[in-house]
Amino acid sequence: MALAYGSFHELSHQLRFLLFEMGIALSQQHIDYYITLAHRTYLKKLQQAAIEEGFISAPLMSHHVHDFLEQLRSKLKETLPESRFFSWDKLYYQCNETIANTAL
């Protein structure tokens, strides 16, 4: 899912190299599988958190964390003007880090 958009290509290589350095050899396909699984799980958690916080009333149609955040950002501009002061760049970074840590 996430890998179809190509955003995690670099992460895939980094994780594979890190695991290889630790003596764990996995194929690129295995690494991609775990990144995709971590991404899917995290996207569901983000959707649920946004609903629970009242930012959205129903899940947004998205197959990628970054796309979801862009949609959320756009939606919040309309309903919550102060969201323009949110640290969106930090949120993107933290999402990527969470996906990497979960995949690892």
PDB file of N, CA and C in Angstrom:
ATOM      1  N   MET A   1       0.837  -1.178   0.000  1.00  0.00           N
ATOM      2  CA  MET A   1       0.000   0.000   0.000  1.00  0.00           C
ATOM      3  C   MET A   1       0.887   1.248   0.000  1.00  0.00           C
ATOM      4  N   ALA A   2       1.644   1.458   1.055  1.00  0.00           N
ATOM      5  CA  ALA A   2       2.468   2.660   1.144  1.00  0.00           C
ATOM      6  C   ALA A   2       3.578   2.624   0.107  1.00  0.00           C
ATOM      7  N   LEU A   3       4.106   1.463  -0.133  1.00  0.00           N
ATOM      8  CA  LEU A   3       5.221   1.368  -1.052  1.00  0.00           C
ATOM      9  C   LEU A   3       4.806   1.650  -2.485  1.00  0.00           C
ATOM     10  N   ALA A   4       3.553   1.501  -2.793  1.00  0.00           N
ATOM     11  CA  ALA A   4       3.075   1.806  -4.136  1.00  0.00           C
ATOM     12  C   ALA A   4       3.268   3.281  -4.446  1.00  0.00           C
ATOM     13  N   TYR A   5       3.278   4.123  -3.449  1.00  0.00           N
ATOM     14  CA  TYR A   5       3.472   5.556  -3.647  1.00  0.00           C
ATOM     15  C   TYR A   5       4.945   5.938  -3.631  1.00  0.00           C
ATOM     16  N   GLY A   6       5.823   4.992  -3.272  1.00  0.00           N
ATOM     17  CA  GLY A   6       7.253   5.228  -3.339  1.00  0.00           C
ATOM     18  C   GLY A   6       7.841   6.056  -2.221  1.00  0.00           C
ATOM     19  N   SER A   7       7.101   6.429  -1.226  1.00  0.00           N
ATOM     20  CA  SER A   7       7.623   7.292  -0.179  1.00  0.00           C
ATOM     21  C   SER A   7       8.565   6.587   0.784  1.00  0.00           C
ATOM     22  N   PHE A   8       8.505   5.294   0.827  1.00  0.00           N
ATOM     23  CA  PHE A   8       9.286   4.571   1.811  1.00  0.00           C
ATOM     24  C   PHE A   8      10.422   3.773   1.188  1.00  0.00           C
ATOM     25  N   HIS A   9      10.795   4.144  -0.037  1.00  0.00           N
ATOM     26  CA  HIS A   9      11.873   3.445  -0.729  1.00  0.00           C
ATOM     27  C   HIS A   9      13.187   3.588   0.043  1.00  0.00           C
ATOM     28  N   GLU A  10      13.493   4.788   0.464  1.00  0.00           N
ATOM     29  CA  GLU A  10      14.728   5.038   1.217  1.00  0.00           C
ATOM     30  C   GLU A  10      14.694   4.317   2.558  1.00  0.00           C
ATOM     31  N   LEU A  11      13.559   4.371   3.240  1.00  0.00           N
ATOM     32  CA  LEU A  11      13.414   3.686   4.520  1.00  0.00           C
ATOM     33  C   LEU A  11      13.643   2.191   4.364  1.00  0.00           C
ATOM     34  N   SER A  12      13.118   1.636   3.310  1.00  0.00           N
ATOM     35  CA  SER A  12      13.264   0.216   3.044  1.00  0.00           C
ATOM     36  C   SER A  12      14.743  -0.176   2.964  1.00  0.00           C
ATOM     37  N   HIS A  13      15.511   0.609   2.219  1.00  0.00           N
ATOM     38  CA  HIS A  13      16.944   0.323   2.098  1.00  0.00           C
ATOM     39  C   HIS A  13      17.678   0.536   3.411  1.00  0.00           C
ATOM     40  N   GLN A  14      17.302   1.562   4.167  1.00  0.00           N
ATOM     41  CA  GLN A  14      17.950   1.825   5.444  1.00  0.00           C
ATOM     42  C   GLN A  14      17.715   0.684   6.437  1.00  0.00           C
ATOM     43  N   LEU A  15      16.477   0.221   6.515  1.00  0.00           N
ATOM     44  CA  LEU A  15      16.173  -0.875   7.439  1.00  0.00           C
ATOM     45  C   LEU A  15      16.888  -2.157   7.028  1.00  0.00           C
ATOM     46  N   ARG A  16      16.903  -2.414   5.738  1.00  0.00           N
ATOM     47  CA  ARG A  16      17.571  -3.628   5.260  1.00  0.00           C
ATOM     48  C   ARG A  16      19.058  -3.580   5.590  1.00  0.00           C
ATOM     49  N   PHE A  17      19.692  -2.440   5.382  1.00  0.00           N
ATOM     50  CA  PHE A  17      21.111  -2.295   5.692  1.00  0.00           C
ATOM     51  C   PHE A  17      21.365  -2.421   7.186  1.00  0.00           C
ATOM     52  N   LEU A  18      20.533  -1.778   8.001  1.00  0.00           N
ATOM     53  CA  LEU A  18      20.691  -1.847   9.451  1.00  0.00           C
ATOM     54  C   LEU A  18      20.577  -3.288   9.948  1.00  0.00           C
ATOM     55  N   LEU A  19      19.585  -3.993   9.464  1.00  0.00           N
ATOM     56  CA  LEU A  19      19.417  -5.391   9.874  1.00  0.00           C
ATOM     57  C   LEU A  19      20.578  -6.251   9.387  1.00  0.00           C
ATOM     58  N   PHE A  20      21.066  -5.975   8.191  1.00  0.00           N
ATOM     59  CA  PHE A  20      22.208  -6.721   7.663  1.00  0.00           C
ATOM     60  C   PHE A  20      23.444  -6.500   8.533  1.00  0.00           C
ATOM     61  N   GLU A  21      23.650  -5.259   8.962  1.00  0.00           N
ATOM     62  CA  GLU A  21      24.777  -4.937   9.846  1.00  0.00           C
ATOM     63  C   GLU A  21      24.667  -5.674  11.176  1.00  0.00           C
ATOM     64  N   MET A  22      23.438  -5.951  11.604  1.00  0.00           N
ATOM     65  CA  MET A  22      23.217  -6.668  12.861  1.00  0.00           C
ATOM     66  C   MET A  22      23.282  -8.178  12.660  1.00  0.00           C
ATOM     67  N   GLY A  23      23.480  -8.609  11.426  1.00  0.00           N
ATOM     68  CA  GLY A  23      23.572 -10.030  11.137  1.00  0.00           C
ATOM     69  C   GLY A  23      22.249 -10.671  10.759  1.00  0.00           C
ATOM     70  N   ILE A  24      21.253  -9.856  10.464  1.00  0.00           N
ATOM     71  CA  ILE A  24      19.937 -10.368  10.072  1.00  0.00           C
ATOM     72  C   ILE A  24      19.736 -10.041   8.595  1.00  0.00           C
ATOM     73  N   ALA A  25      19.743 -11.064   7.779  1.00  0.00           N
ATOM     74  CA  ALA A  25      19.582 -10.850   6.341  1.00  0.00           C
ATOM     75  C   ALA A  25      18.137 -11.138   5.947  1.00  0.00           C
ATOM     76  N   LEU A  26      17.462 -10.108   5.493  1.00  0.00           N
ATOM     77  CA  LEU A  26      16.099 -10.253   4.993  1.00  0.00           C
ATOM     78  C   LEU A  26      16.046  -9.733   3.565  1.00  0.00           C
ATOM     79  N   SER A  27      15.193 -10.317   2.784  1.00  0.00           N
ATOM     80  CA  SER A  27      15.033  -9.860   1.411  1.00  0.00           C
ATOM     81  C   SER A  27      14.329  -8.499   1.395  1.00  0.00           C
ATOM     82  N   GLN A  28      14.474  -7.820   0.276  1.00  0.00           N
ATOM     83  CA  GLN A  28      13.802  -6.532   0.119  1.00  0.00           C
ATOM     84  C   GLN A  28      12.294  -6.709   0.218  1.00  0.00           C
ATOM     85  N   GLN A  29      11.799  -7.818  -0.262  1.00  0.00           N
ATOM     86  CA  GLN A  29      10.358  -8.102  -0.207  1.00  0.00           C
ATOM     87  C   GLN A  29       9.877  -8.211   1.240  1.00  0.00           C
ATOM     88  N   HIS A  30      10.663  -8.849   2.100  1.00  0.00           N
ATOM     89  CA  HIS A  30      10.286  -8.961   3.510  1.00  0.00           C
ATOM     90  C   HIS A  30      10.281  -7.595   4.196  1.00  0.00           C
ATOM     91  N   ILE A  31      11.308  -6.815   3.924  1.00  0.00           N
ATOM     92  CA  ILE A  31      11.385  -5.474   4.510  1.00  0.00           C
ATOM     93  C   ILE A  31      10.188  -4.636   4.062  1.00  0.00           C
ATOM     94  N   ASP A  32       9.895  -4.666   2.769  1.00  0.00           N
ATOM     95  CA  ASP A  32       8.757  -3.912   2.241  1.00  0.00           C
ATOM     96  C   ASP A  32       7.452  -4.365   2.874  1.00  0.00           C
ATOM     97  N   TYR A  33       7.333  -5.654   3.120  1.00  0.00           N
ATOM     98  CA  TYR A  33       6.120  -6.186   3.753  1.00  0.00           C
ATOM     99  C   TYR A  33       5.944  -5.587   5.150  1.00  0.00           C
ATOM    100  N   TYR A  34       7.007  -5.574   5.939  1.00  0.00           N
ATOM    101  CA  TYR A  34       6.906  -5.055   7.301  1.00  0.00           C
ATOM    102  C   TYR A  34       6.656  -3.549   7.325  1.00  0.00           C
ATOM    103  N   ILE A  35       7.239  -2.824   6.391  1.00  0.00           N
ATOM    104  CA  ILE A  35       6.971  -1.386   6.309  1.00  0.00           C
ATOM    105  C   ILE A  35       5.506  -1.154   5.937  1.00  0.00           C
ATOM    106  N   THR A  36       5.009  -1.917   4.988  1.00  0.00           N
ATOM    107  CA  THR A  36       3.609  -1.784   4.569  1.00  0.00           C
ATOM    108  C   THR A  36       2.670  -2.107   5.716  1.00  0.00           C
ATOM    109  N   LEU A  37       2.969  -3.161   6.448  1.00  0.00           N
ATOM    110  CA  LEU A  37       2.160  -3.542   7.600  1.00  0.00           C
ATOM    111  C   LEU A  37       2.175  -2.448   8.670  1.00  0.00           C
ATOM    112  N   ALA A  38       3.355  -1.914   8.967  1.00  0.00           N
ATOM    113  CA  ALA A  38       3.478  -0.838   9.962  1.00  0.00           C
ATOM    114  C   ALA A  38       2.729   0.410   9.494  1.00  0.00           C
ATOM    115  N   HIS A  39       2.842   0.709   8.223  1.00  0.00           N
ATOM    116  CA  HIS A  39       2.157   1.870   7.660  1.00  0.00           C
ATOM    117  C   HIS A  39       0.644   1.731   7.765  1.00  0.00           C
ATOM    118  N   ARG A  40       0.137   0.596   7.380  1.00  0.00           N
ATOM    119  CA  ARG A  40      -1.316   0.356   7.419  1.00  0.00           C
ATOM    120  C   ARG A  40      -1.840   0.475   8.849  1.00  0.00           C
ATOM    121  N   THR A  41      -1.128  -0.106   9.789  1.00  0.00           N
ATOM    122  CA  THR A  41      -1.532  -0.061  11.193  1.00  0.00           C
ATOM    123  C   THR A  41      -1.518   1.380  11.717  1.00  0.00           C
ATOM    124  N   TYR A  42      -0.475   2.113  11.384  1.00  0.00           N
ATOM    125  CA  TYR A  42      -0.354   3.485  11.869  1.00  0.00           C
ATOM    126  C   TYR A  42      -1.407   4.393  11.250  1.00  0.00           C
ATOM    127  N   LEU A  43      -1.703   4.183   9.981  1.00  0.00           N
ATOM    128  CA  LEU A  43      -2.740   4.977   9.322  1.00  0.00           C
ATOM    129  C   LEU A  43      -4.087   4.772  10.009  1.00  0.00           C
ATOM    130  N   LYS A  44      -4.396   3.538  10.355  1.00  0.00           N
ATOM    131  CA  LYS A  44      -5.651   3.255  11.071  1.00  0.00           C
ATOM    132  C   LYS A  44      -5.669   3.960  12.427  1.00  0.00           C
ATOM    133  N   LYS A  45      -4.540   3.949  13.118  1.00  0.00           N
ATOM    134  CA  LYS A  45      -4.465   4.617  14.421  1.00  0.00           C
ATOM    135  C   LYS A  45      -4.638   6.129  14.281  1.00  0.00           C
ATOM    136  N   LEU A  46      -4.037   6.706  13.256  1.00  0.00           N
ATOM    137  CA  LEU A  46      -4.199   8.143  13.022  1.00  0.00           C
ATOM    138  C   LEU A  46      -5.651   8.496  12.718  1.00  0.00           C
ATOM    139  N   GLN A  47      -6.279   7.685  11.881  1.00  0.00           N
ATOM    140  CA  GLN A  47      -7.690   7.914  11.549  1.00  0.00           C
ATOM    141  C   GLN A  47      -8.543   7.880  12.820  1.00  0.00           C
ATOM    142  N   GLN A  48      -8.309   6.865  13.639  1.00  0.00           N
ATOM    143  CA  GLN A  48      -9.090   6.700  14.861  1.00  0.00           C
ATOM    144  C   GLN A  48      -8.847   7.851  15.838  1.00  0.00           C
ATOM    145  N   ALA A  49      -7.599   8.267  15.966  1.00  0.00           N
ATOM    146  CA  ALA A  49      -7.279   9.378  16.867  1.00  0.00           C
ATOM    147  C   ALA A  49      -7.949  10.670  16.403  1.00  0.00           C
ATOM    148  N   ALA A  50      -7.958  10.923  15.102  1.00  0.00           N
ATOM    149  CA  ALA A  50      -8.592  12.132  14.569  1.00  0.00           C
ATOM    150  C   ALA A  50     -10.098  12.122  14.828  1.00  0.00           C
ATOM    151  N   ILE A  51     -10.697  10.941  14.734  1.00  0.00           N
ATOM    152  CA  ILE A  51     -12.135  10.821  15.023  1.00  0.00           C
ATOM    153  C   ILE A  51     -12.397  11.027  16.502  1.00  0.00           C
ATOM    154  N   GLU A  52     -11.596  10.386  17.348  1.00  0.00           N
ATOM    155  CA  GLU A  52     -11.792  10.500  18.798  1.00  0.00           C
ATOM    156  C   GLU A  52     -11.583  11.933  19.287  1.00  0.00           C
ATOM    157  N   GLU A  53     -10.667  12.661  18.653  1.00  0.00           N
ATOM    158  CA  GLU A  53     -10.415  14.053  19.044  1.00  0.00           C
ATOM    159  C   GLU A  53     -11.460  15.010  18.473  1.00  0.00           C
ATOM    160  N   GLY A  54     -12.318  14.507  17.606  1.00  0.00           N
ATOM    161  CA  GLY A  54     -13.362  15.335  17.033  1.00  0.00           C
ATOM    162  C   GLY A  54     -12.914  16.178  15.849  1.00  0.00           C
ATOM    163  N   PHE A  55     -11.732  15.885  15.299  1.00  0.00           N
ATOM    164  CA  PHE A  55     -11.253  16.633  14.142  1.00  0.00           C
ATOM    165  C   PHE A  55     -12.034  16.255  12.888  1.00  0.00           C
ATOM    166  N   ILE A  56     -12.426  14.988  12.798  1.00  0.00           N
ATOM    167  CA  ILE A  56     -13.231  14.501  11.681  1.00  0.00           C
ATOM    168  C   ILE A  56     -14.332  13.621  12.247  1.00  0.00           C
ATOM    169  N   SER A  57     -15.411  13.480  11.508  1.00  0.00           N
ATOM    170  CA  SER A  57     -16.526  12.662  11.999  1.00  0.00           C
ATOM    171  C   SER A  57     -16.508  11.254  11.427  1.00  0.00           C
ATOM    172  N   ALA A  58     -15.804  11.061  10.321  1.00  0.00           N
ATOM    173  CA  ALA A  58     -15.702   9.749   9.688  1.00  0.00           C
ATOM    174  C   ALA A  58     -14.313   9.630   9.074  1.00  0.00           C
ATOM    175  N   PRO A  59     -13.820   8.412   8.911  1.00  0.00           N
ATOM    176  CA  PRO A  59     -12.483   8.245   8.318  1.00  0.00           C
ATOM    177  C   PRO A  59     -12.387   8.905   6.943  1.00  0.00           C
ATOM    178  N   LEU A  60     -11.245   9.496   6.669  1.00  0.00           N
ATOM    179  CA  LEU A  60     -10.981  10.087   5.361  1.00  0.00           C
ATOM    180  C   LEU A  60     -10.481   8.984   4.426  1.00  0.00           C
ATOM    181  N   MET A  61     -10.860   9.058   3.175  1.00  0.00           N
ATOM    182  CA  MET A  61     -10.416   8.070   2.207  1.00  0.00           C
ATOM    183  C   MET A  61      -8.960   8.334   1.852  1.00  0.00           C
ATOM    184  N   SER A  62      -8.082   7.491   2.355  1.00  0.00           N
ATOM    185  CA  SER A  62      -6.663   7.661   2.104  1.00  0.00           C
ATOM    186  C   SER A  62      -5.957   6.324   2.240  1.00  0.00           C
ATOM    187  N   HIS A  63      -4.912   6.152   1.445  1.00  0.00           N
ATOM    188  CA  HIS A  63      -4.107   4.933   1.512  1.00  0.00           C
ATOM    189  C   HIS A  63      -2.673   5.236   1.933  1.00  0.00           C
ATOM    190  N   HIS A  64      -2.432   6.479   2.322  1.00  0.00           N
ATOM    191  CA  HIS A  64      -1.080   6.854   2.701  1.00  0.00           C
ATOM    192  C   HIS A  64      -1.135   7.879   3.833  1.00  0.00           C
ATOM    193  N   VAL A  65      -0.232   7.743   4.779  1.00  0.00           N
ATOM    194  CA  VAL A  65      -0.203   8.628   5.943  1.00  0.00           C
ATOM    195  C   VAL A  65      -0.058  10.089   5.519  1.00  0.00           C
ATOM    196  N   HIS A  66       0.839  10.365   4.585  1.00  0.00           N
ATOM    197  CA  HIS A  66       1.055  11.750   4.165  1.00  0.00           C
ATOM    198  C   HIS A  66      -0.186  12.317   3.484  1.00  0.00           C
ATOM    199  N   ASP A  67      -0.844  11.522   2.681  1.00  0.00           N
ATOM    200  CA  ASP A  67      -2.088  11.957   2.051  1.00  0.00           C
ATOM    201  C   ASP A  67      -3.154  12.230   3.108  1.00  0.00           C
ATOM    202  N   PHE A  68      -3.254  11.352   4.085  1.00  0.00           N
ATOM    203  CA  PHE A  68      -4.219  11.548   5.171  1.00  0.00           C
ATOM    204  C   PHE A  68      -3.949  12.861   5.894  1.00  0.00           C
ATOM    205  N   LEU A  69      -2.686  13.128   6.212  1.00  0.00           N
ATOM    206  CA  LEU A  69      -2.344  14.365   6.920  1.00  0.00           C
ATOM    207  C   LEU A  69      -2.657  15.602   6.084  1.00  0.00           C
ATOM    208  N   GLU A  70      -2.432  15.524   4.783  1.00  0.00           N
ATOM    209  CA  GLU A  70      -2.781  16.654   3.908  1.00  0.00           C
ATOM    210  C   GLU A  70      -4.290  16.891   3.896  1.00  0.00           C
ATOM    211  N   GLN A  71      -5.060  15.816   3.820  1.00  0.00           N
ATOM    212  CA  GLN A  71      -6.515  15.951   3.845  1.00  0.00           C
ATOM    213  C   GLN A  71      -6.981  16.517   5.187  1.00  0.00           C
ATOM    214  N   LEU A  72      -6.390  16.014   6.263  1.00  0.00           N
ATOM    215  CA  LEU A  72      -6.744  16.496   7.594  1.00  0.00           C
ATOM    216  C   LEU A  72      -6.393  17.974   7.740  1.00  0.00           C
ATOM    217  N   ARG A  73      -5.219  18.329   7.265  1.00  0.00           N
ATOM    218  CA  ARG A  73      -4.773  19.720   7.333  1.00  0.00           C
ATOM    219  C   ARG A  73      -5.740  20.627   6.577  1.00  0.00           C
ATOM    220  N   SER A  74      -6.139  20.210   5.397  1.00  0.00           N
ATOM    221  CA  SER A  74      -7.074  20.985   4.587  1.00  0.00           C
ATOM    222  C   SER A  74      -8.438  21.105   5.265  1.00  0.00           C
ATOM    223  N   LYS A  75      -8.910  20.002   5.822  1.00  0.00           N
ATOM    224  CA  LYS A  75     -10.214  19.989   6.501  1.00  0.00           C
ATOM    225  C   LYS A  75     -10.182  20.880   7.742  1.00  0.00           C
ATOM    226  N   LEU A  76      -9.080  20.832   8.489  1.00  0.00           N
ATOM    227  CA  LEU A  76      -8.977  21.633   9.709  1.00  0.00           C
ATOM    228  C   LEU A  76      -8.849  23.123   9.415  1.00  0.00           C
ATOM    229  N   LYS A  77      -8.318  23.475   8.251  1.00  0.00           N
ATOM    230  CA  LYS A  77      -8.249  24.888   7.876  1.00  0.00           C
ATOM    231  C   LYS A  77      -9.640  25.509   7.866  1.00  0.00           C
ATOM    232  N   GLU A  78     -10.614  24.714   7.444  1.00  0.00           N
ATOM    233  CA  GLU A  78     -11.990  25.191   7.359  1.00  0.00           C
ATOM    234  C   GLU A  78     -12.682  25.235   8.723  1.00  0.00           C
ATOM    235  N   THR A  79     -12.460  24.191   9.515  1.00  0.00           N
ATOM    236  CA  THR A  79     -13.205  24.066  10.768  1.00  0.00           C
ATOM    237  C   THR A  79     -12.451  24.571  11.998  1.00  0.00           C
ATOM    238  N   LEU A  80     -11.124  24.611  11.929  1.00  0.00           N
ATOM    239  CA  LEU A  80     -10.310  24.997  13.073  1.00  0.00           C
ATOM    240  C   LEU A  80      -9.175  25.917  12.576  1.00  0.00           C
ATOM    241  N   PRO A  81      -9.466  27.193  12.392  1.00  0.00           N
ATOM    242  CA  PRO A  81      -8.479  28.108  11.791  1.00  0.00           C
ATOM    243  C   PRO A  81      -7.128  28.138  12.513  1.00  0.00           C
ATOM    244  N   GLU A  82      -7.130  27.925  13.808  1.00  0.00           N
ATOM    245  CA  GLU A  82      -5.856  27.963  14.543  1.00  0.00           C
ATOM    246  C   GLU A  82      -4.951  26.783  14.205  1.00  0.00           C
ATOM    247  N   SER A  83      -5.450  25.816  13.430  1.00  0.00           N
ATOM    248  CA  SER A  83      -4.634  24.670  13.034  1.00  0.00           C
ATOM    249  C   SER A  83      -3.475  25.086  12.127  1.00  0.00           C
ATOM    250  N   ARG A  84      -3.551  26.283  11.569  1.00  0.00           N
ATOM    251  CA  ARG A  84      -2.437  26.750  10.743  1.00  0.00           C
ATOM    252  C   ARG A  84      -1.169  26.941  11.567  1.00  0.00           C
ATOM    253  N   PHE A  85      -1.319  27.015  12.890  1.00  0.00           N
ATOM    254  CA  PHE A  85      -0.170  27.162  13.774  1.00  0.00           C
ATOM    255  C   PHE A  85       0.363  25.817  14.274  1.00  0.00           C
ATOM    256  N   PHE A  86      -0.293  24.737  13.895  1.00  0.00           N
ATOM    257  CA  PHE A  86       0.171  23.409  14.297  1.00  0.00           C
ATOM    258  C   PHE A  86       1.539  23.139  13.656  1.00  0.00           C
ATOM    259  N   SER A  87       2.324  22.312  14.300  1.00  0.00           N
ATOM    260  CA  SER A  87       3.646  21.938  13.778  1.00  0.00           C
ATOM    261  C   SER A  87       3.493  20.742  12.831  1.00  0.00           C
ATOM    262  N   TRP A  88       2.998  21.005  11.644  1.00  0.00           N
ATOM    263  CA  TRP A  88       2.727  19.931  10.684  1.00  0.00           C
ATOM    264  C   TRP A  88       4.002  19.232  10.240  1.00  0.00           C
ATOM    265  N   ASP A  89       5.088  19.975  10.070  1.00  0.00           N
ATOM    266  CA  ASP A  89       6.349  19.356   9.651  1.00  0.00           C
ATOM    267  C   ASP A  89       6.837  18.352  10.691  1.00  0.00           C
ATOM    268  N   LYS A  90       6.717  18.717  11.947  1.00  0.00           N
ATOM    269  CA  LYS A  90       7.115  17.801  13.015  1.00  0.00           C
ATOM    270  C   LYS A  90       6.227  16.555  13.027  1.00  0.00           C
ATOM    271  N   LEU A  91       4.946  16.747  12.747  1.00  0.00           N
ATOM    272  CA  LEU A  91       4.022  15.620  12.712  1.00  0.00           C
ATOM    273  C   LEU A  91       4.382  14.654  11.585  1.00  0.00           C
ATOM    274  N   TYR A  92       4.712  15.187  10.415  1.00  0.00           N
ATOM    275  CA  TYR A  92       5.140  14.335   9.298  1.00  0.00           C
ATOM    276  C   TYR A  92       6.377  13.535   9.685  1.00  0.00           C
ATOM    277  N   TYR A  93       7.345  14.221  10.283  1.00  0.00           N
ATOM    278  CA  TYR A  93       8.586  13.564  10.704  1.00  0.00           C
ATOM    279  C   TYR A  93       8.302  12.468  11.727  1.00  0.00           C
ATOM    280  N   GLN A  94       7.483  12.769  12.716  1.00  0.00           N
ATOM    281  CA  GLN A  94       7.170  11.786  13.749  1.00  0.00           C
ATOM    282  C   GLN A  94       6.415  10.595  13.172  1.00  0.00           C
ATOM    283  N   CYS A  95       5.561  10.837  12.203  1.00  0.00           N
ATOM    284  CA  CYS A  95       4.852   9.726  11.559  1.00  0.00           C
ATOM    285  C   CYS A  95       5.836   8.798  10.853  1.00  0.00           C
ATOM    286  N   ASN A  96       6.778   9.378  10.125  1.00  0.00           N
ATOM    287  CA  ASN A  96       7.790   8.567   9.440  1.00  0.00           C
ATOM    288  C   ASN A  96       8.618   7.769  10.439  1.00  0.00           C
ATOM    289  N   GLU A  97       8.999   8.401  11.535  1.00  0.00           N
ATOM    290  CA  GLU A  97       9.799   7.720  12.555  1.00  0.00           C
ATOM    291  C   GLU A  97       9.012   6.570  13.203  1.00  0.00           C
ATOM    292  N   THR A  98       7.741   6.802  13.463  1.00  0.00           N
ATOM    293  CA  THR A  98       6.906   5.762  14.060  1.00  0.00           C
ATOM    294  C   THR A  98       6.773   4.574  13.133  1.00  0.00           C
ATOM    295  N   ILE A  99       6.570   4.836  11.862  1.00  0.00           N
ATOM    296  CA  ILE A  99       6.449   3.755  10.895  1.00  0.00           C
ATOM    297  C   ILE A  99       7.758   2.965  10.833  1.00  0.00           C
ATOM    298  N   ALA A 100       8.888   3.664  10.810  1.00  0.00           N
ATOM    299  CA  ALA A 100      10.183   2.995  10.773  1.00  0.00           C
ATOM    300  C   ALA A 100      10.405   2.145  12.017  1.00  0.00           C
ATOM    301  N   ASN A 101      10.104   2.692  13.183  1.00  0.00           N
ATOM    302  CA  ASN A 101      10.302   1.955  14.431  1.00  0.00           C
ATOM    303  C   ASN A 101       9.381   0.736  14.512  1.00  0.00           C
ATOM    304  N   THR A 102       8.153   0.895  14.083  1.00  0.00           N
ATOM    305  CA  THR A 102       7.225  -0.223  14.105  1.00  0.00           C
ATOM    306  C   THR A 102       7.666  -1.316  13.132  1.00  0.00           C
ATOM    307  N   ALA A 103       8.106  -0.932  11.961  1.00  0.00           N
ATOM    308  CA  ALA A 103       8.564  -1.907  10.976  1.00  0.00           C
ATOM    309  C   ALA A 103       9.779  -2.658  11.486  1.00  0.00           C
ATOM    310  N   LEU A 104      10.649  -1.944  12.178  1.00  0.00           N
ATOM    311  CA  LEU A 104      11.864  -2.563  12.701  1.00  0.00           C
ATOM    312  C   LEU A 104      11.520  -3.561  13.788  1.00  0.00           C
TER     313      LEU A 104
END
